[in-house]
């Protein structure tokens, strides 16, 4: 067994552990391009999957809302109540006046 296996140097141990989990880029340019394309393809798949899941959730919500309201009657025609009121037209100067001076 090598002699450095029994050393208890804290900095060296941290360096080895950090190096063990550090991502390494491949040196060959074609392998780098291939990994980049694989990463882009994975990103595209995740985006499309998220969009499909989101659309399915919206569709399920709309279907649920339609299903819940299938038994309730829909009000149509002139039988609806009318709300009457009195209105006053204001000129522009009254609208631009400060709030504390209005009455």
PDB file of N, CA and C in Angstrom:
ATOM      1  N   UNK A   1       0.844  -1.156   0.000  1.00  0.00           N
ATOM      2  CA  UNK A   1       0.000   0.000   0.000  1.00  0.00           C
ATOM      3  C   UNK A   1       0.898   1.230   0.000  1.00  0.00           C
ATOM      4  N   UNK A   2       0.537   2.250  -0.773  1.00  0.00           N
ATOM      5  CA  UNK A   2       1.387   3.435  -0.841  1.00  0.00           C
ATOM      6  C   UNK A   2       1.431   4.186   0.496  1.00  0.00           C
ATOM      7  N   UNK A   3       2.493   4.905   0.668  1.00  0.00           N
ATOM      8  CA  UNK A   3       2.706   5.598   1.939  1.00  0.00           C
ATOM      9  C   UNK A   3       1.731   6.767   2.102  1.00  0.00           C
ATOM     10  N   UNK A   4       1.303   7.383   0.999  1.00  0.00           N
ATOM     11  CA  UNK A   4       0.421   8.543   1.139  1.00  0.00           C
ATOM     12  C   UNK A   4      -0.994   8.140   1.565  1.00  0.00           C
ATOM     13  N   UNK A   5      -1.306   6.850   1.568  1.00  0.00           N
ATOM     14  CA  UNK A   5      -2.634   6.407   1.977  1.00  0.00           C
ATOM     15  C   UNK A   5      -2.832   6.584   3.483  1.00  0.00           C
ATOM     16  N   UNK A   6      -1.745   6.656   4.237  1.00  0.00           N
ATOM     17  CA  UNK A   6      -1.856   6.768   5.690  1.00  0.00           C
ATOM     18  C   UNK A   6      -1.577   8.173   6.210  1.00  0.00           C
ATOM     19  N   UNK A   7      -1.439   9.128   5.304  1.00  0.00           N
ATOM     20  CA  UNK A   7      -1.211  10.497   5.743  1.00  0.00           C
ATOM     21  C   UNK A   7      -2.537  11.120   6.163  1.00  0.00           C
ATOM     22  N   UNK A   8      -2.470  11.951   7.179  1.00  0.00           N
ATOM     23  CA  UNK A   8      -3.672  12.597   7.664  1.00  0.00           C
ATOM     24  C   UNK A   8      -3.614  14.099   7.440  1.00  0.00           C
ATOM     25  N   UNK A   9      -3.206  14.473   6.255  1.00  0.00           N
ATOM     26  CA  UNK A   9      -3.127  15.880   5.902  1.00  0.00           C
ATOM     27  C   UNK A   9      -4.526  16.366   5.510  1.00  0.00           C
ATOM     28  N   UNK A  10      -5.065  17.288   6.277  1.00  0.00           N
ATOM     29  CA  UNK A  10      -6.442  17.730   6.093  1.00  0.00           C
ATOM     30  C   UNK A  10      -6.640  18.438   4.752  1.00  0.00           C
ATOM     31  N   UNK A  11      -5.711  19.307   4.372  1.00  0.00           N
ATOM     32  CA  UNK A  11      -5.838  20.056   3.121  1.00  0.00           C
ATOM     33  C   UNK A  11      -5.771  19.124   1.927  1.00  0.00           C
ATOM     34  N   UNK A  12      -4.908  18.147   2.003  1.00  0.00           N
ATOM     35  CA  UNK A  12      -4.794  17.199   0.896  1.00  0.00           C
ATOM     36  C   UNK A  12      -6.054  16.350   0.784  1.00  0.00           C
ATOM     37  N   UNK A  13      -6.628  15.961   1.911  1.00  0.00           N
ATOM     38  CA  UNK A  13      -7.866  15.175   1.892  1.00  0.00           C
ATOM     39  C   UNK A  13      -9.007  15.980   1.265  1.00  0.00           C
ATOM     40  N   UNK A  14      -9.123  17.253   1.659  1.00  0.00           N
ATOM     41  CA  UNK A  14     -10.169  18.087   1.077  1.00  0.00           C
ATOM     42  C   UNK A  14      -9.950  18.275  -0.417  1.00  0.00           C
ATOM     43  N   UNK A  15      -8.704  18.410  -0.815  1.00  0.00           N
ATOM     44  CA  UNK A  15      -8.401  18.558  -2.226  1.00  0.00           C
ATOM     45  C   UNK A  15      -8.801  17.313  -3.010  1.00  0.00           C
ATOM     46  N   UNK A  16      -8.524  16.140  -2.463  1.00  0.00           N
ATOM     47  CA  UNK A  16      -8.881  14.885  -3.145  1.00  0.00           C
ATOM     48  C   UNK A  16     -10.393  14.714  -3.229  1.00  0.00           C
ATOM     49  N   UNK A  17     -11.092  15.041  -2.144  1.00  0.00           N
ATOM     50  CA  UNK A  17     -12.555  14.905  -2.156  1.00  0.00           C
ATOM     51  C   UNK A  17     -13.166  15.892  -3.139  1.00  0.00           C
ATOM     52  N   UNK A  18     -12.665  17.126  -3.137  1.00  0.00           N
ATOM     53  CA  UNK A  18     -13.176  18.131  -4.063  1.00  0.00           C
ATOM     54  C   UNK A  18     -12.919  17.713  -5.506  1.00  0.00           C
ATOM     55  N   UNK A  19     -11.749  17.164  -5.772  1.00  0.00           N
ATOM     56  CA  UNK A  19     -11.425  16.728  -7.129  1.00  0.00           C
ATOM     57  C   UNK A  19     -12.242  15.509  -7.551  1.00  0.00           C
ATOM     58  N   UNK A  20     -12.642  14.685  -6.588  1.00  0.00           N
ATOM     59  CA  UNK A  20     -13.408  13.493  -6.929  1.00  0.00           C
ATOM     60  C   UNK A  20     -14.795  13.853  -7.443  1.00  0.00           C
ATOM     61  N   UNK A  21     -15.374  14.950  -6.956  1.00  0.00           N
ATOM     62  CA  UNK A  21     -16.724  15.317  -7.361  1.00  0.00           C
ATOM     63  C   UNK A  21     -16.784  16.511  -8.309  1.00  0.00           C
ATOM     64  N   UNK A  22     -15.639  17.005  -8.742  1.00  0.00           N
ATOM     65  CA  UNK A  22     -15.617  18.145  -9.653  1.00  0.00           C
ATOM     66  C   UNK A  22     -15.942  17.684 -11.070  1.00  0.00           C
ATOM     67  N   UNK A  23     -16.809  18.410 -11.764  1.00  0.00           N
ATOM     68  CA  UNK A  23     -17.094  18.030 -13.154  1.00  0.00           C
ATOM     69  C   UNK A  23     -15.904  18.353 -14.043  1.00  0.00           C
ATOM     70  N   UNK A  24     -15.615  17.477 -14.924  1.00  0.00           N
ATOM     71  CA  UNK A  24     -14.491  17.671 -15.831  1.00  0.00           C
ATOM     72  C   UNK A  24     -15.006  17.775 -17.257  1.00  0.00           C
ATOM     73  N   UNK A  25     -14.481  18.736 -17.993  1.00  0.00           N
ATOM     74  CA  UNK A  25     -14.842  18.856 -19.392  1.00  0.00           C
ATOM     75  C   UNK A  25     -13.926  17.948 -20.208  1.00  0.00           C
ATOM     76  N   UNK A  26     -14.505  17.246 -21.169  1.00  0.00           N
ATOM     77  CA  UNK A  26     -13.639  16.422 -22.021  1.00  0.00           C
ATOM     78  C   UNK A  26     -12.746  17.316 -22.886  1.00  0.00           C
ATOM     79  N   UNK A  27     -11.583  16.809 -23.221  1.00  0.00           N
ATOM     80  CA  UNK A  27     -10.626  17.617 -23.977  1.00  0.00           C
ATOM     81  C   UNK A  27     -10.854  17.553 -25.480  1.00  0.00           C
ATOM     82  N   UNK A  28     -11.425  16.471 -25.948  1.00  0.00           N
ATOM     83  CA  UNK A  28     -11.632  16.328 -27.388  1.00  0.00           C
ATOM     84  C   UNK A  28     -12.782  17.226 -27.834  1.00  0.00           C
ATOM     85  N   UNK A  29     -12.573  18.037 -28.874  1.00  0.00           N
ATOM     86  CA  UNK A  29     -13.610  18.992 -29.294  1.00  0.00           C
ATOM     87  C   UNK A  29     -14.911  18.325 -29.744  1.00  0.00           C
ATOM     88  N   UNK A  30     -14.822  17.191 -30.395  1.00  0.00           N
ATOM     89  CA  UNK A  30     -16.044  16.529 -30.858  1.00  0.00           C
ATOM     90  C   UNK A  30     -16.858  15.980 -29.683  1.00  0.00           C
ATOM     91  N   UNK A  31     -16.165  15.506 -28.661  1.00  0.00           N
ATOM     92  CA  UNK A  31     -16.871  15.006 -27.476  1.00  0.00           C
ATOM     93  C   UNK A  31     -17.530  16.172 -26.743  1.00  0.00           C
ATOM     94  N   UNK A  32     -16.859  17.320 -26.699  1.00  0.00           N
ATOM     95  CA  UNK A  32     -17.463  18.510 -26.090  1.00  0.00           C
ATOM     96  C   UNK A  32     -18.732  18.917 -26.826  1.00  0.00           C
ATOM     97  N   UNK A  33     -18.667  18.924 -28.145  1.00  0.00           N
ATOM     98  CA  UNK A  33     -19.847  19.281 -28.945  1.00  0.00           C
ATOM     99  C   UNK A  33     -20.962  18.263 -28.725  1.00  0.00           C
ATOM    100  N   UNK A  34     -20.605  16.998 -28.659  1.00  0.00           N
ATOM    101  CA  UNK A  34     -21.614  15.958 -28.446  1.00  0.00           C
ATOM    102  C   UNK A  34     -22.292  16.131 -27.087  1.00  0.00           C
ATOM    103  N   UNK A  35     -21.515  16.400 -26.043  1.00  0.00           N
ATOM    104  CA  UNK A  35     -22.104  16.621 -24.723  1.00  0.00           C
ATOM    105  C   UNK A  35     -22.978  17.882 -24.710  1.00  0.00           C
ATOM    106  N   UNK A  36     -22.547  18.903 -25.418  1.00  0.00           N
ATOM    107  CA  UNK A  36     -23.360  20.114 -25.512  1.00  0.00           C
ATOM    108  C   UNK A  36     -24.690  19.855 -26.191  1.00  0.00           C
ATOM    109  N   UNK A  37     -24.666  19.080 -27.274  1.00  0.00           N
ATOM    110  CA  UNK A  37     -25.911  18.744 -27.968  1.00  0.00           C
ATOM    111  C   UNK A  37     -26.812  17.865 -27.118  1.00  0.00           C
ATOM    112  N   UNK A  38     -26.216  16.945 -26.375  1.00  0.00           N
ATOM    113  CA  UNK A  38     -27.014  16.110 -25.473  1.00  0.00           C
ATOM    114  C   UNK A  38     -27.657  16.979 -24.397  1.00  0.00           C
ATOM    115  N   UNK A  39     -26.926  17.941 -23.876  1.00  0.00           N
ATOM    116  CA  UNK A  39     -27.483  18.856 -22.879  1.00  0.00           C
ATOM    117  C   UNK A  39     -28.620  19.692 -23.434  1.00  0.00           C
ATOM    118  N   UNK A  40     -28.454  20.205 -24.657  1.00  0.00           N
ATOM    119  CA  UNK A  40     -29.525  20.980 -25.280  1.00  0.00           C
ATOM    120  C   UNK A  40     -30.753  20.117 -25.554  1.00  0.00           C
ATOM    121  N   UNK A  41     -30.541  18.886 -25.988  1.00  0.00           N
ATOM    122  CA  UNK A  41     -31.668  17.987 -26.233  1.00  0.00           C
ATOM    123  C   UNK A  41     -32.403  17.681 -24.929  1.00  0.00           C
ATOM    124  N   UNK A  42     -31.664  17.455 -23.859  1.00  0.00           N
ATOM    125  CA  UNK A  42     -32.289  17.203 -22.557  1.00  0.00           C
ATOM    126  C   UNK A  42     -33.076  18.427 -22.089  1.00  0.00           C
ATOM    127  N   UNK A  43     -32.527  19.616 -22.278  1.00  0.00           N
ATOM    128  CA  UNK A  43     -33.237  20.843 -21.925  1.00  0.00           C
ATOM    129  C   UNK A  43     -34.520  20.987 -22.740  1.00  0.00           C
ATOM    130  N   UNK A  44     -34.468  20.702 -24.030  1.00  0.00           N
ATOM    131  CA  UNK A  44     -35.661  20.798 -24.880  1.00  0.00           C
ATOM    132  C   UNK A  44     -36.733  19.793 -24.445  1.00  0.00           C
ATOM    133  N   UNK A  45     -36.308  18.578 -24.099  1.00  0.00           N
ATOM    134  CA  UNK A  45     -37.270  17.567 -23.642  1.00  0.00           C
ATOM    135  C   UNK A  45     -37.939  18.023 -22.354  1.00  0.00           C
ATOM    136  N   UNK A  46     -37.174  18.582 -21.429  1.00  0.00           N
ATOM    137  CA  UNK A  46     -37.762  19.047 -20.171  1.00  0.00           C
ATOM    138  C   UNK A  46     -38.715  20.216 -20.382  1.00  0.00           C
ATOM    139  N   UNK A  47     -38.384  21.125 -21.278  1.00  0.00           N
ATOM    140  CA  UNK A  47     -39.272  22.262 -21.559  1.00  0.00           C
ATOM    141  C   UNK A  47     -40.571  21.786 -22.196  1.00  0.00           C
ATOM    142  N   UNK A  48     -40.472  20.885 -23.165  1.00  0.00           N
ATOM    143  CA  UNK A  48     -41.677  20.358 -23.819  1.00  0.00           C
ATOM    144  C   UNK A  48     -42.512  19.571 -22.821  1.00  0.00           C
ATOM    145  N   UNK A  49     -41.878  18.773 -21.988  1.00  0.00           N
ATOM    146  CA  UNK A  49     -42.608  18.004 -20.977  1.00  0.00           C
ATOM    147  C   UNK A  49     -43.331  18.939 -20.019  1.00  0.00           C
ATOM    148  N   UNK A  50     -42.673  20.000 -19.592  1.00  0.00           N
ATOM    149  CA  UNK A  50     -43.309  20.973 -18.704  1.00  0.00           C
ATOM    150  C   UNK A  50     -44.486  21.668 -19.367  1.00  0.00           C
ATOM    151  N   UNK A  51     -44.353  22.003 -20.648  1.00  0.00           N
ATOM    152  CA  UNK A  51     -45.449  22.651 -21.371  1.00  0.00           C
ATOM    153  C   UNK A  51     -46.635  21.700 -21.522  1.00  0.00           C
ATOM    154  N   UNK A  52     -46.363  20.439 -21.804  1.00  0.00           N
ATOM    155  CA  UNK A  52     -47.445  19.450 -21.940  1.00  0.00           C
ATOM    156  C   UNK A  52     -48.141  19.245 -20.599  1.00  0.00           C
ATOM    157  N   UNK A  53     -47.385  19.142 -19.535  1.00  0.00           N
ATOM    158  CA  UNK A  53     -47.996  18.965 -18.209  1.00  0.00           C
ATOM    159  C   UNK A  53     -48.818  20.196 -17.845  1.00  0.00           C
ATOM    160  N   UNK A  54     -48.323  21.388 -18.124  1.00  0.00           N
ATOM    161  CA  UNK A  54     -49.076  22.610 -17.850  1.00  0.00           C
ATOM    162  C   UNK A  54     -50.363  22.687 -18.654  1.00  0.00           C
ATOM    163  N   UNK A  55     -50.304  22.343 -19.933  1.00  0.00           N
ATOM    164  CA  UNK A  55     -51.510  22.346 -20.769  1.00  0.00           C
ATOM    165  C   UNK A  55     -52.512  21.309 -20.278  1.00  0.00           C
ATOM    166  N   UNK A  56     -52.017  20.152 -19.850  1.00  0.00           N
ATOM    167  CA  UNK A  56     -52.914  19.116 -19.327  1.00  0.00           C
ATOM    168  C   UNK A  56     -53.585  19.583 -18.034  1.00  0.00           C
ATOM    169  N   UNK A  57     -52.854  20.302 -17.187  1.00  0.00           N
ATOM    170  CA  UNK A  57     -53.454  20.813 -15.954  1.00  0.00           C
ATOM    171  C   UNK A  57     -54.528  21.853 -16.257  1.00  0.00           C
ATOM    172  N   UNK A  58     -54.283  22.731 -17.215  1.00  0.00           N
ATOM    173  CA  UNK A  58     -55.282  23.726 -17.588  1.00  0.00           C
ATOM    174  C   UNK A  58     -56.510  23.045 -18.177  1.00  0.00           C
ATOM    175  N   UNK A  59     -56.296  22.071 -19.056  1.00  0.00           N
ATOM    176  CA  UNK A  59     -57.423  21.351 -19.655  1.00  0.00           C
ATOM    177  C   UNK A  59     -58.221  20.600 -18.595  1.00  0.00           C
ATOM    178  N   UNK A  60     -57.540  19.984 -17.649  1.00  0.00           N
ATOM    179  CA  UNK A  60     -58.247  19.271 -16.580  1.00  0.00           C
ATOM    180  C   UNK A  60     -59.053  20.243 -15.724  1.00  0.00           C
ATOM    181  N   UNK A  61     -58.517  21.409 -15.445  1.00  0.00           N
ATOM    182  CA  UNK A  61     -59.256  22.412 -14.683  1.00  0.00           C
ATOM    183  C   UNK A  61     -60.497  22.891 -15.415  1.00  0.00           C
ATOM    184  N   UNK A  62     -60.364  23.114 -16.720  1.00  0.00           N
ATOM    185  CA  UNK A  62     -61.526  23.539 -17.497  1.00  0.00           C
ATOM    186  C   UNK A  62     -62.584  22.441 -17.568  1.00  0.00           C
ATOM    187  N   UNK A  63     -62.160  21.218 -17.773  1.00  0.00           N
ATOM    188  CA  UNK A  63     -63.114  20.105 -17.797  1.00  0.00           C
ATOM    189  C   UNK A  63     -63.807  19.940 -16.453  1.00  0.00           C
ATOM    190  N   UNK A  64     -63.065  20.084 -15.375  1.00  0.00           N
ATOM    191  CA  UNK A  64     -63.659  19.983 -14.038  1.00  0.00           C
ATOM    192  C   UNK A  64     -64.689  21.090 -13.824  1.00  0.00           C
ATOM    193  N   UNK A  65     -64.358  22.294 -14.266  1.00  0.00           N
ATOM    194  CA  UNK A  65     -65.291  23.409 -14.118  1.00  0.00           C
ATOM    195  C   UNK A  65     -66.549  23.178 -14.946  1.00  0.00           C
ATOM    196  N   UNK A  66     -66.398  22.681 -16.167  1.00  0.00           N
ATOM    197  CA  UNK A  66     -67.565  22.370 -16.986  1.00  0.00           C
ATOM    198  C   UNK A  66     -68.391  21.247 -16.375  1.00  0.00           C
ATOM    199  N   UNK A  67     -67.742  20.248 -15.829  1.00  0.00           N
ATOM    200  CA  UNK A  67     -68.434  19.117 -15.223  1.00  0.00           C
ATOM    201  C   UNK A  67     -69.237  19.554 -13.998  1.00  0.00           C
ATOM    202  N   UNK A  68     -68.664  20.447 -13.200  1.00  0.00           N
ATOM    203  CA  UNK A  68     -69.354  20.917 -11.995  1.00  0.00           C
ATOM    204  C   UNK A  68     -70.558  21.795 -12.333  1.00  0.00           C
ATOM    205  N   UNK A  69     -70.493  22.533 -13.440  1.00  0.00           N
ATOM    206  CA  UNK A  69     -71.570  23.457 -13.768  1.00  0.00           C
ATOM    207  C   UNK A  69     -72.576  22.871 -14.753  1.00  0.00           C
ATOM    208  N   UNK A  70     -72.553  21.578 -14.993  1.00  0.00           N
ATOM    209  CA  UNK A  70     -73.447  21.000 -15.990  1.00  0.00           C
ATOM    210  C   UNK A  70     -74.894  20.962 -15.538  1.00  0.00           C
ATOM    211  N   UNK A  71     -75.186  20.960 -14.240  1.00  0.00           N
ATOM    212  CA  UNK A  71     -76.555  20.865 -13.770  1.00  0.00           C
ATOM    213  C   UNK A  71     -77.207  22.206 -13.475  1.00  0.00           C
ATOM    214  N   UNK A  72     -76.433  23.278 -13.434  1.00  0.00           N
ATOM    215  CA  UNK A  72     -77.004  24.574 -13.091  1.00  0.00           C
ATOM    216  C   UNK A  72     -77.572  25.239 -14.333  1.00  0.00           C
ATOM    217  N   UNK A  73     -78.771  25.857 -14.215  1.00  0.00           N
ATOM    218  CA  UNK A  73     -79.371  26.523 -15.377  1.00  0.00           C
ATOM    219  C   UNK A  73     -78.625  27.814 -15.715  1.00  0.00           C
ATOM    220  N   UNK A  74     -78.627  28.144 -16.984  1.00  0.00           N
ATOM    221  CA  UNK A  74     -77.973  29.354 -17.453  1.00  0.00           C
ATOM    222  C   UNK A  74     -79.041  30.414 -17.655  1.00  0.00           C
ATOM    223  N   UNK A  75     -78.919  31.575 -17.024  1.00  0.00           N
ATOM    224  CA  UNK A  75     -79.899  32.651 -17.160  1.00  0.00           C
ATOM    225  C   UNK A  75     -79.741  33.316 -18.512  1.00  0.00           C
ATOM    226  N   UNK A  76     -80.878  33.413 -19.250  1.00  0.00           N
ATOM    227  CA  UNK A  76     -80.863  34.038 -20.569  1.00  0.00           C
ATOM    228  C   UNK A  76     -82.105  34.899 -20.731  1.00  0.00           C
ATOM    229  N   UNK A  77     -82.067  35.799 -21.682  1.00  0.00           N
ATOM    230  CA  UNK A  77     -83.246  36.561 -22.052  1.00  0.00           C
ATOM    231  C   UNK A  77     -83.443  37.803 -21.212  1.00  0.00           C
ATOM    232  N   UNK A  78     -84.679  38.341 -21.275  1.00  0.00           N
ATOM    233  CA  UNK A  78     -84.996  39.605 -20.621  1.00  0.00           C
ATOM    234  C   UNK A  78     -85.415  39.412 -19.170  1.00  0.00           C
ATOM    235  N   UNK A  79     -85.413  38.226 -18.660  1.00  0.00           N
ATOM    236  CA  UNK A  79     -85.835  37.973 -17.303  1.00  0.00           C
ATOM    237  C   UNK A  79     -84.810  38.388 -16.263  1.00  0.00           C
ATOM    238  N   UNK A  80     -83.657  38.861 -16.698  1.00  0.00           N
ATOM    239  CA  UNK A  80     -82.625  39.271 -15.757  1.00  0.00           C
ATOM    240  C   UNK A  80     -82.988  40.593 -15.105  1.00  0.00           C
ATOM    241  N   UNK A  81     -82.608  40.788 -13.847  1.00  0.00           N
ATOM    242  CA  UNK A  81     -82.916  42.068 -13.195  1.00  0.00           C
ATOM    243  C   UNK A  81     -82.067  43.197 -13.784  1.00  0.00           C
ATOM    244  N   UNK A  82     -82.622  44.401 -13.763  1.00  0.00           N
ATOM    245  CA  UNK A  82     -81.959  45.571 -14.306  1.00  0.00           C
ATOM    246  C   UNK A  82     -81.553  46.471 -13.143  1.00  0.00           C
ATOM    247  N   UNK A  83     -80.354  46.956 -13.170  1.00  0.00           N
ATOM    248  CA  UNK A  83     -79.873  47.870 -12.148  1.00  0.00           C
ATOM    249  C   UNK A  83     -79.949  49.282 -12.717  1.00  0.00           C
ATOM    250  N   UNK A  84     -80.736  50.125 -12.060  1.00  0.00           N
ATOM    251  CA  UNK A  84     -80.864  51.503 -12.505  1.00  0.00           C
ATOM    252  C   UNK A  84     -80.033  52.407 -11.609  1.00  0.00           C
ATOM    253  N   UNK A  85     -79.673  53.552 -12.132  1.00  0.00           N
ATOM    254  CA  UNK A  85     -78.899  54.489 -11.338  1.00  0.00           C
ATOM    255  C   UNK A  85     -78.936  55.867 -11.932  1.00  0.00           C
ATOM    256  N   UNK A  86     -78.460  56.837 -11.185  1.00  0.00           N
ATOM    257  CA  UNK A  86     -78.360  58.204 -11.654  1.00  0.00           C
ATOM    258  C   UNK A  86     -76.883  58.534 -11.824  1.00  0.00           C
ATOM    259  N   UNK A  87     -76.585  59.171 -12.915  1.00  0.00           N
ATOM    260  CA  UNK A  87     -75.197  59.469 -13.227  1.00  0.00           C
ATOM    261  C   UNK A  87     -75.038  60.962 -13.451  1.00  0.00           C
ATOM    262  N   UNK A  88     -73.862  61.475 -13.170  1.00  0.00           N
ATOM    263  CA  UNK A  88     -73.549  62.881 -13.356  1.00  0.00           C
ATOM    264  C   UNK A  88     -72.250  62.962 -14.156  1.00  0.00           C
ATOM    265  N   UNK A  89     -72.240  63.779 -15.185  1.00  0.00           N
ATOM    266  CA  UNK A  89     -71.062  63.943 -16.036  1.00  0.00           C
ATOM    267  C   UNK A  89     -70.195  65.033 -15.426  1.00  0.00           C
ATOM    268  N   UNK A  90     -68.922  64.729 -15.210  1.00  0.00           N
ATOM    269  CA  UNK A  90     -67.986  65.691 -14.635  1.00  0.00           C
ATOM    270  C   UNK A  90     -67.096  66.256 -15.727  1.00  0.00           C
ATOM    271  N   UNK A  91     -66.774  67.533 -15.601  1.00  0.00           N
ATOM    272  CA  UNK A  91     -65.839  68.117 -16.556  1.00  0.00           C
ATOM    273  C   UNK A  91     -64.402  67.790 -16.139  1.00  0.00           C
ATOM    274  N   UNK A  92     -63.487  68.060 -17.010  1.00  0.00           N
ATOM    275  CA  UNK A  92     -62.101  67.656 -16.786  1.00  0.00           C
ATOM    276  C   UNK A  92     -61.484  68.374 -15.586  1.00  0.00           C
ATOM    277  N   UNK A  93     -61.842  69.621 -15.340  1.00  0.00           N
ATOM    278  CA  UNK A  93     -61.276  70.373 -14.225  1.00  0.00           C
ATOM    279  C   UNK A  93     -61.651  69.726 -12.894  1.00  0.00           C
ATOM    280  N   UNK A  94     -62.824  69.179 -12.782  1.00  0.00           N
ATOM    281  CA  UNK A  94     -63.242  68.530 -11.544  1.00  0.00           C
ATOM    282  C   UNK A  94     -62.484  67.235 -11.332  1.00  0.00           C
ATOM    283  N   UNK A  95     -62.081  66.592 -12.388  1.00  0.00           N
ATOM    284  CA  UNK A  95     -61.335  65.342 -12.264  1.00  0.00           C
ATOM    285  C   UNK A  95     -59.888  65.585 -11.853  1.00  0.00           C
ATOM    286  N   UNK A  96     -59.306  66.713 -12.284  1.00  0.00           N
ATOM    287  CA  UNK A  96     -57.913  66.993 -11.978  1.00  0.00           C
ATOM    288  C   UNK A  96     -57.731  67.734 -10.663  1.00  0.00           C
ATOM    289  N   UNK A  97     -58.814  68.145 -10.014  1.00  0.00           N
ATOM    290  CA  UNK A  97     -58.761  68.855  -8.763  1.00  0.00           C
ATOM    291  C   UNK A  97     -58.240  67.925  -7.653  1.00  0.00           C
ATOM    292  N   UNK A  98     -57.488  68.451  -6.680  1.00  0.00           N
ATOM    293  CA  UNK A  98     -56.986  67.579  -5.600  1.00  0.00           C
ATOM    294  C   UNK A  98     -58.134  66.933  -4.845  1.00  0.00           C
ATOM    295  N   UNK A  99     -57.849  65.769  -4.299  1.00  0.00           N
ATOM    296  CA  UNK A  99     -58.878  64.956  -3.664  1.00  0.00           C
ATOM    297  C   UNK A  99     -59.485  65.623  -2.431  1.00  0.00           C
ATOM    298  N   UNK A 100     -58.720  66.362  -1.658  1.00  0.00           N
ATOM    299  CA  UNK A 100     -59.234  66.961  -0.434  1.00  0.00           C
ATOM    300  C   UNK A 100     -60.180  68.132  -0.695  1.00  0.00           C
ATOM    301  N   UNK A 101     -60.141  68.721  -1.887  1.00  0.00           N
ATOM    302  CA  UNK A 101     -61.018  69.836  -2.213  1.00  0.00           C
ATOM    303  C   UNK A 101     -62.325  69.374  -2.830  1.00  0.00           C
ATOM    304  N   UNK A 102     -62.410  68.117  -3.252  1.00  0.00           N
ATOM    305  CA  UNK A 102     -63.635  67.597  -3.857  1.00  0.00           C
ATOM    306  C   UNK A 102     -64.680  67.322  -2.798  1.00  0.00           C
ATOM    307  N   UNK A 103     -65.951  67.414  -3.204  1.00  0.00           N
ATOM    308  CA  UNK A 103     -67.046  67.058  -2.300  1.00  0.00           C
ATOM    309  C   UNK A 103     -68.089  66.293  -3.018  1.00  0.00           C
TER     310      UNK A 103
END
